[in-house]
Amino acid sequence: MAHSEMAHGHARPVLLGLIGSPIAHSASPAMHEAAAEALGLEAHYQLIDVPGADAAQLQSLLAALAPIGFAGVNVTYPYKEAVLPLLDGLSPGAQAVGAVNTIVVRDGRLTGHNTDMTGFSRALVQAFGPRPEGPVALIGAGGVGKAVAVALAAFDGVEIRLVDANPAKAEAVAASLADHAAIRVCRSLAAALDGARGVVNGTPVGMLPDRGTPVPAELLRPGMWVADAVYSPLRTPLLTDAARIGARTMTGRELAIHQALDAFALFTGREAPAEAMARAFDRVVAPPAG
C-alpha cells in the first residue's frame, strides 16, 4: 500500500492503535483520526483487541509495532500494568503511576507514558475548579485508579482514601505515594465516603454491559462531587444516582478527551485541536437524540 501512496507523492498515514480488550466501544479511533484531519494529517487508528494475552503474546505484539510502522499505541484494560516490563523506557509520570496508557514508537524504541494522569488533572480542574481539597474517596487501585491517585497527590490539601477489592493492591499504591501524598487505604466504602468531599470511580464497574454501581446510592451526599472514568455509557448508574441527589458530576468524557489530547501530542509532536476531538467523541459516544 505504501508504494502506491508514495508513487502519488503522498506521505504515509500516521499509524496509531489501541491494545486492550474489550475495546469495540472505544472513542479513540474517532478522536485521533479527527484530530489528524483537522491538522491536515492523515491518520489510521487501529483497534487491536487481544483478549487474555500473556506476557509472551504482549511481547511479540509490541515487537511488531516498529516494523509495521506504528508511531504509537494506546493501552487500556487489562494491559496497562502488564506492558511495563516489556518497554524500552518510561516517562517519569508512567514510572510514578506504575501503569502505561500511551506507548510512543521512535527509532525502534518503545517508551511508555501515562496521559490518564495528566488528562485527569486537567479534566478535574475544568469540571470542579482549581483547588480540589479535603478527603476524596478513590475506588480502584488498578491502572486508572493509580493514575488518578498520582494526579490527586499533586493537589495540596487533598486526602486520598483508597478502596480496592484487593486490599494488598491498594496498600502497594498507598506505600508508593506515601512520601508525597496524604493517602490511606480504607477497608470499606462507607469509611472512605464518610465526610468525603469527592468520589472517583477508577474501576470498570458501570461500563456497559455492566449496570452496577461501585457506590451504593445511600452513601452519596448532595455536597460532594462525583467523577467517573467510565464513558460507555456516559451517564453511568453512579452519576445518575449522584445527579438525582444534586451532587456535582464529571462524566468519563472529560478524562477520555484530555488523555487523548496528551497522547496525540506525544504521538505526532503536534498539539491536537481539542474541539475536533470533542466533536468526534460526542459523535461516537453521545449522538444527539433523534
Protein backbone atom coordinates (compact mmCIF):
# COMPACT_ATOMS: atom_id res chain seq x y z
CA MET A 1 0.00 0.00 0.00
CA ALA A 2 2.78 2.40 0.92
CA HIS A 3 4.34 2.07 -2.56
CA SER A 4 1.27 3.24 -4.43
CA GLU A 5 0.83 6.11 -1.99
CA MET A 6 4.44 7.13 -2.39
CA ALA A 7 4.07 6.97 -6.14
CA HIS A 8 1.36 9.61 -5.95
CA GLY A 9 3.57 11.78 -3.76
CA HIS A 10 1.53 11.31 -0.56
CA ALA A 11 3.12 10.79 2.82
CA ARG A 12 2.11 7.56 4.54
CA PRO A 13 -0.67 7.94 7.07
CA VAL A 14 0.30 8.15 10.72
CA LEU A 15 -0.41 4.67 12.07
CA LEU A 16 -1.80 4.54 15.61
CA GLY A 17 -3.71 1.96 17.63
CA LEU A 18 -5.19 0.72 20.88
CA ILE A 19 -4.25 -2.54 22.65
CA GLY A 20 -6.78 -3.94 25.11
CA SER A 21 -9.98 -5.96 25.44
CA PRO A 22 -12.90 -5.46 25.08
CA ILE A 23 -12.46 -2.23 23.08
CA ALA A 24 -15.20 -2.22 20.41
CA HIS A 25 -16.83 0.80 22.09
CA SER A 26 -13.65 2.89 22.14
CA ALA A 27 -13.91 6.51 21.01
CA SER A 28 -10.14 6.67 20.43
CA PRO A 29 -10.15 5.93 16.67
CA ALA A 30 -12.66 8.70 16.00
CA MET A 31 -10.85 11.23 18.24
CA HIS A 32 -7.34 10.66 16.88
CA GLU A 33 -8.38 10.47 13.23
CA ALA A 34 -10.46 13.66 13.58
CA ALA A 35 -7.57 15.50 15.27
CA ALA A 36 -5.21 14.48 12.47
CA GLU A 37 -7.67 15.54 9.79
CA ALA A 38 -8.12 18.96 11.43
CA LEU A 39 -4.33 19.42 11.21
CA GLY A 40 -4.17 18.30 7.60
CA LEU A 41 -2.55 14.97 8.51
CA GLU A 42 -3.82 11.55 7.58
CA ALA A 43 -4.01 9.01 10.41
CA HIS A 44 -5.29 5.48 10.73
CA TYR A 45 -6.14 4.30 14.26
CA GLN A 46 -6.39 0.51 14.56
CA LEU A 47 -8.23 -1.35 17.33
CA ILE A 48 -6.02 -4.26 18.45
CA ASP A 49 -8.44 -6.34 20.54
CA VAL A 50 -6.48 -9.17 22.19
CA PRO A 51 -8.35 -10.94 24.98
CA GLY A 52 -6.35 -12.89 27.56
CA ALA A 53 -2.85 -12.16 26.20
CA ASP A 54 0.03 -13.39 28.39
CA ALA A 55 3.42 -11.67 28.67
CA ALA A 56 4.88 -13.59 25.72
CA GLN A 57 1.97 -12.63 23.44
CA LEU A 58 2.15 -8.99 24.53
CA GLN A 59 5.91 -9.04 23.95
CA SER A 60 5.54 -10.27 20.36
CA LEU A 61 2.74 -7.79 19.70
CA LEU A 62 4.86 -4.88 20.95
CA ALA A 63 7.88 -6.13 19.00
CA ALA A 64 5.83 -5.89 15.80
CA LEU A 65 4.84 -2.23 16.25
CA ALA A 66 8.05 -0.62 14.93
CA PRO A 67 8.50 -2.91 11.88
CA ILE A 68 4.83 -2.41 10.88
CA GLY A 69 5.33 1.36 11.09
CA PHE A 70 3.27 2.41 14.12
CA ALA A 71 4.01 5.89 15.51
CA GLY A 72 2.46 4.79 18.78
CA VAL A 73 -0.37 2.97 20.50
CA ASN A 74 -2.62 3.49 23.47
CA VAL A 75 -3.01 0.71 26.02
CA THR A 76 -6.16 0.05 28.01
CA TYR A 77 -7.69 -2.53 30.32
CA PRO A 78 -6.37 -5.12 31.14
CA TYR A 79 -2.79 -4.41 29.97
CA LYS A 80 -1.81 -1.01 31.44
CA GLU A 81 0.43 -2.64 34.05
CA ALA A 82 1.38 -5.78 32.13
CA VAL A 83 3.23 -3.82 29.40
CA LEU A 84 5.54 -2.04 31.87
CA PRO A 85 8.44 -4.52 31.94
CA LEU A 86 8.23 -5.01 28.15
CA LEU A 87 9.12 -1.41 27.19
CA ASP A 88 12.49 0.22 26.49
CA GLY A 89 11.82 3.24 28.70
CA LEU A 90 9.22 5.01 30.85
CA SER A 91 8.39 8.69 31.33
CA PRO A 92 8.64 9.95 34.92
CA GLY A 93 4.82 10.04 35.03
CA ALA A 94 4.44 6.44 33.92
CA GLN A 95 7.14 5.46 36.39
CA ALA A 96 5.29 7.22 39.23
CA VAL A 97 1.95 5.67 38.32
CA GLY A 98 3.30 2.21 37.57
CA ALA A 99 0.96 1.94 34.57
CA VAL A 100 1.12 2.93 30.91
CA ASN A 101 -1.71 4.03 28.63
CA THR A 102 0.39 5.50 25.82
CA ILE A 103 3.41 3.99 24.06
CA VAL A 104 5.46 6.12 21.68
CA VAL A 105 7.45 4.30 18.98
CA ARG A 106 10.62 6.17 17.92
CA ASP A 107 13.63 4.72 16.10
CA GLY A 108 12.60 1.21 17.12
CA ARG A 109 12.36 2.15 20.82
CA LEU A 110 9.12 1.91 22.81
CA THR A 111 8.60 4.50 25.55
CA GLY A 112 5.67 4.30 27.96
CA HIS A 113 3.76 7.38 29.14
CA ASN A 114 0.67 7.93 31.27
CA THR A 115 -1.79 10.50 29.95
CA ASP A 116 -4.59 9.22 32.21
CA MET A 117 -2.73 11.07 34.96
CA THR A 118 -2.19 14.35 33.11
CA GLY A 119 -5.63 14.13 31.50
CA PHE A 120 -7.44 13.55 34.80
CA SER A 121 -5.71 16.54 36.43
CA ARG A 122 -6.85 18.92 33.71
CA ALA A 123 -10.34 17.43 33.46
CA LEU A 124 -10.86 17.72 37.24
CA VAL A 125 -9.83 21.38 37.35
CA GLN A 126 -12.05 22.15 34.37
CA ALA A 127 -15.05 20.43 35.94
CA PHE A 128 -14.80 21.45 39.60
CA GLY A 129 -12.45 24.41 39.82
CA PRO A 130 -8.73 24.84 40.51
CA ARG A 131 -8.49 23.60 44.09
CA PRO A 132 -9.95 20.23 44.94
CA GLU A 133 -9.32 19.68 48.65
CA GLY A 134 -10.36 17.62 51.62
CA PRO A 135 -10.96 13.87 51.64
CA VAL A 136 -11.51 12.19 48.25
CA ALA A 137 -12.71 8.59 48.06
CA LEU A 138 -10.95 6.80 45.19
CA ILE A 139 -12.35 3.43 44.18
CA GLY A 140 -9.91 1.20 42.32
CA ALA A 141 -6.14 0.72 42.57
CA GLY A 142 -5.67 -0.64 39.03
CA GLY A 143 -4.28 1.24 36.02
CA VAL A 144 -6.75 4.15 36.03
CA GLY A 145 -7.02 4.27 39.81
CA LYS A 146 -3.24 4.61 40.18
CA ALA A 147 -3.13 7.40 37.59
CA VAL A 148 -5.92 9.24 39.42
CA ALA A 149 -4.11 8.77 42.77
CA VAL A 150 -0.90 10.31 41.39
CA ALA A 151 -2.91 13.17 39.85
CA LEU A 152 -4.75 13.85 43.14
CA ALA A 153 -1.47 13.69 45.08
CA ALA A 154 -0.28 16.78 43.19
CA PHE A 155 -3.06 18.92 44.71
CA ASP A 156 -2.23 20.38 48.13
CA GLY A 157 -4.81 19.69 50.78
CA VAL A 158 -6.29 16.53 49.28
CA GLU A 159 -6.51 13.42 51.43
CA ILE A 160 -6.84 10.31 49.27
CA ARG A 161 -8.90 7.43 50.69
CA LEU A 162 -8.26 4.41 48.52
CA VAL A 163 -10.55 1.37 48.33
CA ASP A 164 -9.99 -1.73 46.21
CA ALA A 165 -11.48 -5.22 46.19
CA ASN A 166 -7.86 -6.34 46.57
CA PRO A 167 -6.59 -4.54 49.71
CA ALA A 168 -2.97 -5.62 49.07
CA LYS A 169 -3.06 -3.81 45.73
CA ALA A 170 -4.38 -0.67 47.43
CA GLU A 171 -1.69 -0.91 50.14
CA ALA A 172 1.02 -1.10 47.47
CA VAL A 173 -0.28 2.05 45.75
CA ALA A 174 -0.55 3.88 49.07
CA ALA A 175 3.01 2.87 50.00
CA SER A 176 4.37 4.12 46.67
CA LEU A 177 2.77 7.55 47.23
CA ALA A 178 3.22 7.84 51.00
CA ASP A 179 6.20 10.20 50.74
CA HIS A 180 4.39 12.91 48.82
CA ALA A 181 0.67 12.49 49.47
CA ALA A 182 -1.83 12.15 52.28
CA ILE A 183 -3.16 8.72 51.33
CA ARG A 184 -4.64 5.87 53.29
CA VAL A 185 -6.34 2.60 52.47
CA CYS A 186 -9.91 2.19 53.67
CA ARG A 187 -11.28 -1.30 54.22
CA SER A 188 -14.85 -0.28 53.41
CA LEU A 189 -16.63 2.10 51.06
CA ALA A 190 -18.57 3.56 53.99
CA ALA A 191 -15.32 4.53 55.74
CA ALA A 192 -13.89 6.06 52.55
CA LEU A 193 -17.03 8.12 51.91
CA ASP A 194 -17.57 9.29 55.47
CA GLY A 195 -17.15 13.07 55.21
CA ALA A 196 -15.58 12.85 51.74
CA ARG A 197 -15.70 15.96 49.51
CA GLY A 198 -15.29 13.98 46.32
CA VAL A 199 -15.60 10.47 44.87
CA VAL A 200 -13.79 9.00 41.85
CA ASN A 201 -14.65 5.67 40.22
CA GLY A 202 -11.43 4.28 38.75
CA THR A 203 -12.87 0.80 38.08
CA PRO A 204 -14.77 -0.61 35.07
CA VAL A 205 -17.91 -1.06 37.24
CA GLY A 206 -20.82 0.56 35.41
CA MET A 207 -19.29 0.11 31.94
CA LEU A 208 -21.74 -1.50 29.52
CA PRO A 209 -22.97 -4.21 29.58
CA ASP A 210 -22.49 -3.94 33.38
CA ARG A 211 -25.22 -1.85 35.00
CA GLY A 212 -23.84 -1.95 38.52
CA THR A 213 -22.52 0.95 40.58
CA PRO A 214 -19.33 0.99 42.66
CA VAL A 215 -21.06 3.11 45.34
CA PRO A 216 -24.47 2.36 46.87
CA ALA A 217 -26.68 5.44 46.40
CA GLU A 218 -27.26 5.87 50.14
CA LEU A 219 -23.55 6.66 50.67
CA LEU A 220 -23.67 9.70 48.32
CA ARG A 221 -24.44 13.22 49.60
CA PRO A 222 -25.57 16.39 47.78
CA GLY A 223 -22.49 18.42 48.78
CA MET A 224 -19.91 16.13 47.16
CA TRP A 225 -18.55 15.98 43.62
CA VAL A 226 -18.54 12.64 41.79
CA ALA A 227 -16.28 11.72 38.85
CA ASP A 228 -16.44 8.53 36.76
CA ALA A 229 -13.70 7.26 34.46
CA VAL A 230 -16.22 5.08 32.56
CA TYR A 231 -17.71 6.71 29.43
CA SER A 232 -19.74 3.88 27.96
CA PRO A 233 -22.45 4.79 28.95
CA LEU A 234 -21.79 8.48 29.55
CA ARG A 235 -24.35 8.64 32.37
CA THR A 236 -23.33 5.65 34.47
CA PRO A 237 -25.58 4.38 37.28
CA LEU A 238 -23.17 6.11 39.72
CA LEU A 239 -23.53 9.50 38.02
CA THR A 240 -27.29 9.08 37.64
CA ASP A 241 -27.58 8.46 41.40
CA ALA A 242 -25.30 11.43 42.14
CA ALA A 243 -27.19 13.83 39.86
CA ARG A 244 -30.51 12.72 41.34
CA ILE A 245 -29.50 13.99 44.80
CA GLY A 246 -27.93 17.18 43.45
CA ALA A 247 -24.22 16.28 43.65
CA ARG A 248 -21.92 17.79 41.01
CA THR A 249 -20.73 15.24 38.45
CA MET A 250 -17.99 14.72 35.87
CA THR A 251 -18.52 12.06 33.21
CA GLY A 252 -15.76 9.96 31.67
CA ARG A 253 -15.97 12.23 28.59
CA GLU A 254 -13.57 14.79 30.06
CA LEU A 255 -10.92 12.24 31.03
CA ALA A 256 -11.27 10.46 27.66
CA ILE A 257 -10.77 13.69 25.68
CA HIS A 258 -7.92 15.07 27.82
CA GLN A 259 -5.93 11.82 27.89
CA ALA A 260 -6.34 11.59 24.09
CA LEU A 261 -5.18 15.20 23.58
CA ASP A 262 -2.00 14.47 25.54
CA ALA A 263 -1.43 11.14 23.76
CA PHE A 264 -1.86 12.71 20.30
CA ALA A 265 0.78 15.33 21.11
CA LEU A 266 3.18 12.58 22.18
CA PHE A 267 2.47 10.51 19.04
CA THR A 268 2.76 13.31 16.49
CA GLY A 269 4.64 16.19 18.11
CA ARG A 270 1.65 18.38 17.19
CA GLU A 271 -0.93 19.89 19.52
CA ALA A 272 -4.31 18.29 18.90
CA PRO A 273 -7.29 20.58 18.31
CA ALA A 274 -9.49 19.99 21.37
CA GLU A 275 -12.67 20.98 19.54
CA ALA A 276 -12.16 18.37 16.81
CA MET A 277 -11.54 15.64 19.39
CA ALA A 278 -14.55 16.66 21.48
CA ARG A 279 -16.85 16.67 18.44
CA ALA A 280 -15.59 13.24 17.39
CA PHE A 281 -16.12 11.87 20.90
CA ASP A 282 -19.68 13.22 21.03
CA ARG A 283 -20.46 11.84 17.58
CA VAL A 284 -19.45 8.32 18.63
CA VAL A 285 -20.44 8.16 22.28
CA ALA A 286 -23.38 10.51 22.69
CA PRO A 287 -25.08 11.14 19.35
CA PRO A 288 -27.80 13.80 19.69
CA ALA A 289 -31.19 12.24 20.33
CA GLY A 290 -33.28 11.75 17.19
